[in-house]
Structure formats: C-alpha cells, structure tokens
C-alpha cells in the first residue's frame, strides 16, 4: 500500500456493517485508447477501487460465517453494478457486499 493509500484509509470515519466493505472507486477513463476524449455521460463507471474499511464477518441464519476476503488497502474488482454509492465529505465512495467482490488486483 502506498503512502497516499495509507493516508486515505486512516481518514475514513465510516465503519461498514457486517458483510460490507467501503471502497474508493478508481476514476473513470476520460480518454479512449485512440486518444478521443469522452464526455462524462459516456464514461463507463469504474468497477475497481481501493478498500478503505471492512465490516465484520457475515453470519448466516444457519450459524455459518463468511469472513471478508479483503482487507483495508487492497485494490479490488467488484461487479459493475454492485454496491451502493454514498458521499462522504464530498467524495463518492461505494459500500460493496462481500458477494459483489470478484478479485484482488496485485501489483
């Protein structure tokens, strides 16, 4: 995790509830591979970002538990339309269910 990531993670004032992680989405691409700039309405929503905070393990009705597959600082890929957007101090973040996480990106 870089110094910038640690700074963002340490400032988070939201603790997700069980079964959720708080993600800072990566910015959308503003330019195509061929160099054409995209208007905001045509930009695709990012489906990856940095985990800022992790909720408690999920407990099912049958008593089984599901621990978070990620930890704060991990760069993750989540389902394109997964998660709920929230605004904290003017910054858009996402609350994503454990089930909507698809991969951890390694550098």
N, C-alpha and C. Protein backbone atom coordinates (compact mmCIF):
# COMPACT_ATOMS: atom_id res chain seq x y z
N UNK A 1 0.86 -1.17 0.00
CA UNK A 1 0.00 0.00 0.00
C UNK A 1 0.90 1.23 0.00
N UNK A 2 0.64 2.18 -0.88
CA UNK A 2 1.46 3.38 -0.97
C UNK A 2 1.14 4.34 0.17
N UNK A 3 1.97 5.39 0.32
CA UNK A 3 1.73 6.38 1.36
C UNK A 3 0.40 7.08 1.18
N UNK A 4 0.03 7.37 -0.07
CA UNK A 4 -1.25 8.04 -0.35
C UNK A 4 -2.40 7.16 0.11
N UNK A 5 -2.33 5.87 -0.19
CA UNK A 5 -3.40 4.95 0.20
C UNK A 5 -3.54 4.91 1.72
N UNK A 6 -2.44 4.86 2.46
CA UNK A 6 -2.50 4.82 3.92
C UNK A 6 -3.16 6.09 4.45
N UNK A 7 -2.88 7.22 3.81
CA UNK A 7 -3.46 8.49 4.24
C UNK A 7 -4.98 8.45 4.08
N UNK A 8 -5.46 7.96 2.93
CA UNK A 8 -6.91 7.87 2.68
C UNK A 8 -7.55 6.91 3.66
N UNK A 9 -6.95 5.74 3.84
CA UNK A 9 -7.51 4.71 4.72
C UNK A 9 -7.60 5.21 6.15
N UNK A 10 -6.59 5.94 6.62
CA UNK A 10 -6.59 6.40 8.01
C UNK A 10 -7.62 7.49 8.27
N UNK A 11 -8.12 8.19 7.24
CA UNK A 11 -9.08 9.27 7.42
C UNK A 11 -10.53 8.81 7.39
N UNK A 12 -10.77 7.54 7.10
CA UNK A 12 -12.15 7.06 6.95
C UNK A 12 -12.86 7.08 8.29
N UNK A 13 -14.06 7.70 8.30
CA UNK A 13 -14.83 7.80 9.53
C UNK A 13 -16.06 6.89 9.48
N UNK A 14 -16.12 6.02 8.49
CA UNK A 14 -17.26 5.11 8.34
C UNK A 14 -16.78 3.68 8.51
N UNK A 15 -17.48 2.93 9.33
CA UNK A 15 -17.20 1.51 9.52
C UNK A 15 -18.38 0.74 8.95
N UNK A 16 -18.16 -0.01 7.85
CA UNK A 16 -19.27 -0.78 7.27
C UNK A 16 -19.80 -1.82 8.25
N UNK A 17 -21.06 -2.17 8.11
CA UNK A 17 -21.65 -3.23 8.91
C UNK A 17 -21.25 -4.58 8.34
N UNK A 18 -21.68 -5.66 9.01
CA UNK A 18 -21.23 -6.98 8.60
C UNK A 18 -21.60 -7.30 7.16
N UNK A 19 -20.64 -7.89 6.46
CA UNK A 19 -20.86 -8.30 5.08
C UNK A 19 -20.56 -7.23 4.04
N UNK A 20 -20.08 -6.06 4.46
CA UNK A 20 -19.81 -4.97 3.52
C UNK A 20 -18.38 -4.46 3.66
N UNK A 21 -17.87 -3.89 2.55
CA UNK A 21 -16.60 -3.17 2.56
C UNK A 21 -16.84 -1.78 1.97
N UNK A 22 -16.08 -0.80 2.41
CA UNK A 22 -16.14 0.55 1.88
C UNK A 22 -15.01 0.70 0.87
N UNK A 23 -15.36 1.08 -0.37
CA UNK A 23 -14.38 1.15 -1.46
C UNK A 23 -14.33 2.57 -2.03
N UNK A 24 -13.11 3.03 -2.30
CA UNK A 24 -12.88 4.28 -3.01
C UNK A 24 -12.70 3.92 -4.48
N UNK A 25 -13.73 4.14 -5.33
CA UNK A 25 -13.64 3.73 -6.73
C UNK A 25 -12.55 4.49 -7.48
N UNK A 26 -11.91 3.81 -8.43
CA UNK A 26 -10.94 4.46 -9.31
C UNK A 26 -11.69 5.40 -10.23
N UNK A 27 -11.02 6.41 -10.72
CA UNK A 27 -11.66 7.34 -11.64
C UNK A 27 -12.00 6.69 -12.96
N UNK A 28 -13.04 7.16 -13.62
CA UNK A 28 -13.44 6.64 -14.92
C UNK A 28 -12.46 7.11 -15.99
N UNK A 29 -12.30 6.32 -17.04
CA UNK A 29 -11.44 6.71 -18.15
C UNK A 29 -12.07 7.89 -18.86
N UNK A 30 -11.27 8.93 -19.08
CA UNK A 30 -11.79 10.11 -19.77
C UNK A 30 -11.35 10.14 -21.22
N UNK A 31 -10.48 9.19 -21.62
CA UNK A 31 -9.96 9.18 -22.97
C UNK A 31 -9.89 7.74 -23.47
N UNK A 32 -10.23 7.52 -24.73
CA UNK A 32 -10.15 6.18 -25.31
C UNK A 32 -8.70 5.85 -25.66
N UNK A 33 -8.45 4.60 -26.01
CA UNK A 33 -7.10 4.17 -26.38
C UNK A 33 -6.59 4.93 -27.60
N UNK A 34 -7.50 5.36 -28.47
CA UNK A 34 -7.10 6.09 -29.68
C UNK A 34 -6.96 7.60 -29.44
N UNK A 35 -7.21 8.06 -28.21
CA UNK A 35 -6.99 9.46 -27.87
C UNK A 35 -8.21 10.34 -27.92
N UNK A 36 -9.39 9.77 -28.09
CA UNK A 36 -10.62 10.58 -28.12
C UNK A 36 -11.11 10.81 -26.70
N UNK A 37 -11.37 12.08 -26.35
CA UNK A 37 -11.86 12.40 -25.01
C UNK A 37 -13.35 12.12 -24.93
N UNK A 38 -13.76 11.47 -23.84
CA UNK A 38 -15.16 11.10 -23.64
C UNK A 38 -15.88 12.11 -22.76
N UNK A 39 -17.11 12.48 -23.13
CA UNK A 39 -17.89 13.33 -22.22
C UNK A 39 -18.28 12.51 -20.99
N UNK A 40 -18.58 13.19 -19.90
CA UNK A 40 -18.89 12.50 -18.65
C UNK A 40 -20.04 11.50 -18.81
N UNK A 41 -21.02 11.83 -19.64
CA UNK A 41 -22.17 10.94 -19.83
C UNK A 41 -21.80 9.64 -20.54
N UNK A 42 -20.69 9.62 -21.26
CA UNK A 42 -20.28 8.42 -21.99
C UNK A 42 -19.22 7.61 -21.25
N UNK A 43 -18.73 8.12 -20.14
CA UNK A 43 -17.69 7.43 -19.39
C UNK A 43 -18.29 6.23 -18.66
N UNK A 44 -17.56 5.14 -18.72
CA UNK A 44 -18.03 3.92 -18.06
C UNK A 44 -17.71 3.98 -16.58
N UNK A 45 -18.65 3.52 -15.76
CA UNK A 45 -18.43 3.52 -14.32
C UNK A 45 -17.28 2.57 -13.98
N UNK A 46 -16.38 2.98 -13.08
CA UNK A 46 -15.29 2.08 -12.72
C UNK A 46 -15.81 0.89 -11.94
N UNK A 47 -15.15 -0.23 -12.08
CA UNK A 47 -15.53 -1.43 -11.35
C UNK A 47 -14.36 -1.91 -10.52
N UNK A 48 -13.51 -0.97 -10.12
CA UNK A 48 -12.40 -1.32 -9.25
C UNK A 48 -12.07 -0.13 -8.36
N UNK A 49 -11.39 -0.42 -7.28
CA UNK A 49 -11.03 0.64 -6.35
C UNK A 49 -10.24 0.10 -5.17
N UNK A 50 -9.97 0.97 -4.21
CA UNK A 50 -9.19 0.64 -3.02
C UNK A 50 -10.14 0.45 -1.84
N UNK A 51 -9.95 -0.65 -1.11
CA UNK A 51 -10.77 -0.91 0.08
C UNK A 51 -10.30 0.02 1.19
N UNK A 52 -11.22 0.81 1.73
CA UNK A 52 -10.91 1.75 2.80
C UNK A 52 -11.20 1.17 4.18
N UNK A 53 -12.26 0.38 4.28
CA UNK A 53 -12.68 -0.15 5.57
C UNK A 53 -13.48 -1.44 5.34
N UNK A 54 -13.41 -2.36 6.30
CA UNK A 54 -14.05 -3.67 6.17
C UNK A 54 -14.97 -3.91 7.36
N UNK A 55 -16.18 -4.40 7.06
CA UNK A 55 -17.13 -4.73 8.12
C UNK A 55 -16.84 -6.08 8.75
N UNK A 56 -17.61 -6.40 9.78
CA UNK A 56 -17.49 -7.68 10.47
C UNK A 56 -17.82 -8.83 9.53
N UNK A 57 -17.45 -10.04 9.94
CA UNK A 57 -17.78 -11.21 9.14
C UNK A 57 -19.30 -11.38 9.07
N UNK A 58 -19.77 -11.93 7.96
CA UNK A 58 -21.20 -12.13 7.73
C UNK A 58 -21.63 -13.40 8.45
N UNK A 59 -22.74 -13.34 9.19
CA UNK A 59 -23.28 -14.51 9.90
C UNK A 59 -24.61 -14.88 9.26
N UNK A 60 -24.72 -16.13 8.82
CA UNK A 60 -25.93 -16.61 8.16
C UNK A 60 -26.89 -17.21 9.19
N UNK A 61 -28.14 -17.42 8.76
CA UNK A 61 -29.18 -17.97 9.64
C UNK A 61 -28.79 -19.33 10.22
N UNK A 62 -28.03 -20.11 9.47
CA UNK A 62 -27.63 -21.44 9.94
C UNK A 62 -26.42 -21.41 10.87
N UNK A 63 -25.92 -20.21 11.18
CA UNK A 63 -24.81 -20.07 12.11
C UNK A 63 -23.44 -20.03 11.45
N UNK A 64 -23.37 -20.33 10.17
CA UNK A 64 -22.07 -20.29 9.47
C UNK A 64 -21.68 -18.83 9.25
N UNK A 65 -20.37 -18.60 9.15
CA UNK A 65 -19.87 -17.25 8.96
C UNK A 65 -19.06 -17.15 7.67
N UNK A 66 -19.00 -15.95 7.13
CA UNK A 66 -18.19 -15.65 5.95
C UNK A 66 -17.31 -14.46 6.29
N UNK A 67 -15.99 -14.72 6.36
CA UNK A 67 -15.05 -13.65 6.65
C UNK A 67 -14.79 -12.83 5.40
N UNK A 68 -14.39 -11.60 5.59
CA UNK A 68 -14.09 -10.73 4.46
C UNK A 68 -12.91 -11.31 3.66
N UNK A 69 -13.04 -11.37 2.34
CA UNK A 69 -11.93 -11.86 1.52
C UNK A 69 -10.85 -10.80 1.28
N UNK A 70 -11.08 -9.58 1.76
CA UNK A 70 -10.14 -8.48 1.54
C UNK A 70 -9.87 -7.75 2.85
N UNK A 71 -8.89 -6.86 2.80
CA UNK A 71 -8.59 -6.01 3.97
C UNK A 71 -8.34 -4.59 3.48
N UNK A 72 -8.34 -3.65 4.37
CA UNK A 72 -8.13 -2.25 4.02
C UNK A 72 -6.82 -2.09 3.27
N UNK A 73 -6.87 -1.34 2.17
CA UNK A 73 -5.68 -1.10 1.35
C UNK A 73 -5.61 -1.98 0.11
N UNK A 74 -6.40 -3.07 0.06
CA UNK A 74 -6.41 -3.94 -1.12
C UNK A 74 -7.07 -3.21 -2.29
N UNK A 75 -6.53 -3.44 -3.50
CA UNK A 75 -7.16 -2.93 -4.71
C UNK A 75 -8.03 -4.06 -5.24
N UNK A 76 -9.33 -3.80 -5.41
CA UNK A 76 -10.28 -4.86 -5.75
C UNK A 76 -11.06 -4.54 -7.03
N UNK A 77 -11.60 -5.62 -7.61
CA UNK A 77 -12.54 -5.52 -8.72
C UNK A 77 -13.87 -6.01 -8.17
N UNK A 78 -14.93 -5.25 -8.44
CA UNK A 78 -16.25 -5.65 -7.97
C UNK A 78 -17.22 -5.65 -9.14
N UNK A 79 -18.38 -6.25 -8.95
CA UNK A 79 -19.38 -6.31 -10.02
C UNK A 79 -19.71 -4.91 -10.50
N UNK A 80 -19.86 -4.77 -11.80
CA UNK A 80 -20.06 -3.46 -12.42
C UNK A 80 -21.16 -2.64 -11.77
N UNK A 81 -22.28 -3.26 -11.48
CA UNK A 81 -23.40 -2.52 -10.88
C UNK A 81 -23.56 -2.88 -9.40
N UNK A 82 -22.52 -3.46 -8.82
CA UNK A 82 -22.57 -3.83 -7.40
C UNK A 82 -22.32 -2.63 -6.51
N UNK A 83 -22.79 -2.72 -5.30
CA UNK A 83 -22.54 -1.69 -4.31
C UNK A 83 -23.50 -0.51 -4.38
N UNK A 84 -23.48 0.26 -3.32
CA UNK A 84 -24.31 1.46 -3.22
C UNK A 84 -23.41 2.66 -3.05
N UNK A 85 -23.65 3.70 -3.84
CA UNK A 85 -22.84 4.91 -3.77
C UNK A 85 -23.27 5.77 -2.58
N UNK A 86 -22.28 6.30 -1.87
CA UNK A 86 -22.54 7.24 -0.78
C UNK A 86 -21.54 8.39 -0.94
N UNK A 87 -21.87 9.53 -0.37
CA UNK A 87 -20.98 10.69 -0.39
C UNK A 87 -20.51 10.98 1.02
N UNK A 88 -19.20 11.07 1.20
CA UNK A 88 -18.61 11.38 2.49
C UNK A 88 -17.64 12.54 2.29
N UNK A 89 -17.90 13.64 2.95
CA UNK A 89 -17.07 14.85 2.82
C UNK A 89 -16.86 15.23 1.36
N UNK A 90 -17.92 15.12 0.53
CA UNK A 90 -17.85 15.50 -0.86
C UNK A 90 -17.21 14.46 -1.78
N UNK A 91 -16.79 13.33 -1.25
CA UNK A 91 -16.15 12.28 -2.04
C UNK A 91 -17.11 11.12 -2.22
N UNK A 92 -17.24 10.63 -3.47
CA UNK A 92 -18.11 9.49 -3.73
C UNK A 92 -17.38 8.19 -3.41
N UNK A 93 -18.01 7.38 -2.55
CA UNK A 93 -17.48 6.07 -2.16
C UNK A 93 -18.55 5.03 -2.43
N UNK A 94 -18.19 3.75 -2.32
CA UNK A 94 -19.15 2.67 -2.53
C UNK A 94 -19.13 1.71 -1.35
N UNK A 95 -20.31 1.29 -0.92
CA UNK A 95 -20.45 0.20 0.03
C UNK A 95 -20.76 -1.04 -0.78
N UNK A 96 -19.86 -2.03 -0.75
CA UNK A 96 -19.96 -3.21 -1.59
C UNK A 96 -20.07 -4.45 -0.72
N UNK A 97 -21.01 -5.34 -1.05
CA UNK A 97 -21.16 -6.60 -0.32
C UNK A 97 -19.99 -7.52 -0.62
N UNK A 98 -19.65 -8.38 0.34
CA UNK A 98 -18.60 -9.37 0.12
C UNK A 98 -18.88 -10.15 -1.16
N UNK A 99 -20.16 -10.50 -1.40
CA UNK A 99 -20.54 -11.29 -2.57
C UNK A 99 -20.29 -10.58 -3.89
N UNK A 100 -20.26 -9.25 -3.88
CA UNK A 100 -20.06 -8.50 -5.12
C UNK A 100 -18.58 -8.28 -5.46
N UNK A 101 -17.67 -8.68 -4.56
CA UNK A 101 -16.25 -8.60 -4.85
C UNK A 101 -15.85 -9.76 -5.75
N UNK A 102 -15.05 -9.48 -6.77
CA UNK A 102 -14.69 -10.53 -7.72
C UNK A 102 -13.20 -10.86 -7.73
N UNK A 103 -12.32 -9.91 -7.40
CA UNK A 103 -10.88 -10.17 -7.47
C UNK A 103 -10.11 -9.14 -6.68
N UNK A 104 -8.89 -9.52 -6.30
CA UNK A 104 -7.93 -8.60 -5.69
C UNK A 104 -6.85 -8.38 -6.75
N UNK A 105 -6.56 -7.11 -7.05
CA UNK A 105 -5.52 -6.80 -8.02
C UNK A 105 -4.18 -6.70 -7.30
N UNK A 106 -3.21 -7.44 -7.79
CA UNK A 106 -1.87 -7.41 -7.19
C UNK A 106 -0.94 -6.63 -8.10
N UNK A 107 -0.07 -5.84 -7.49
CA UNK A 107 0.87 -5.02 -8.28
C UNK A 107 2.08 -5.80 -8.64
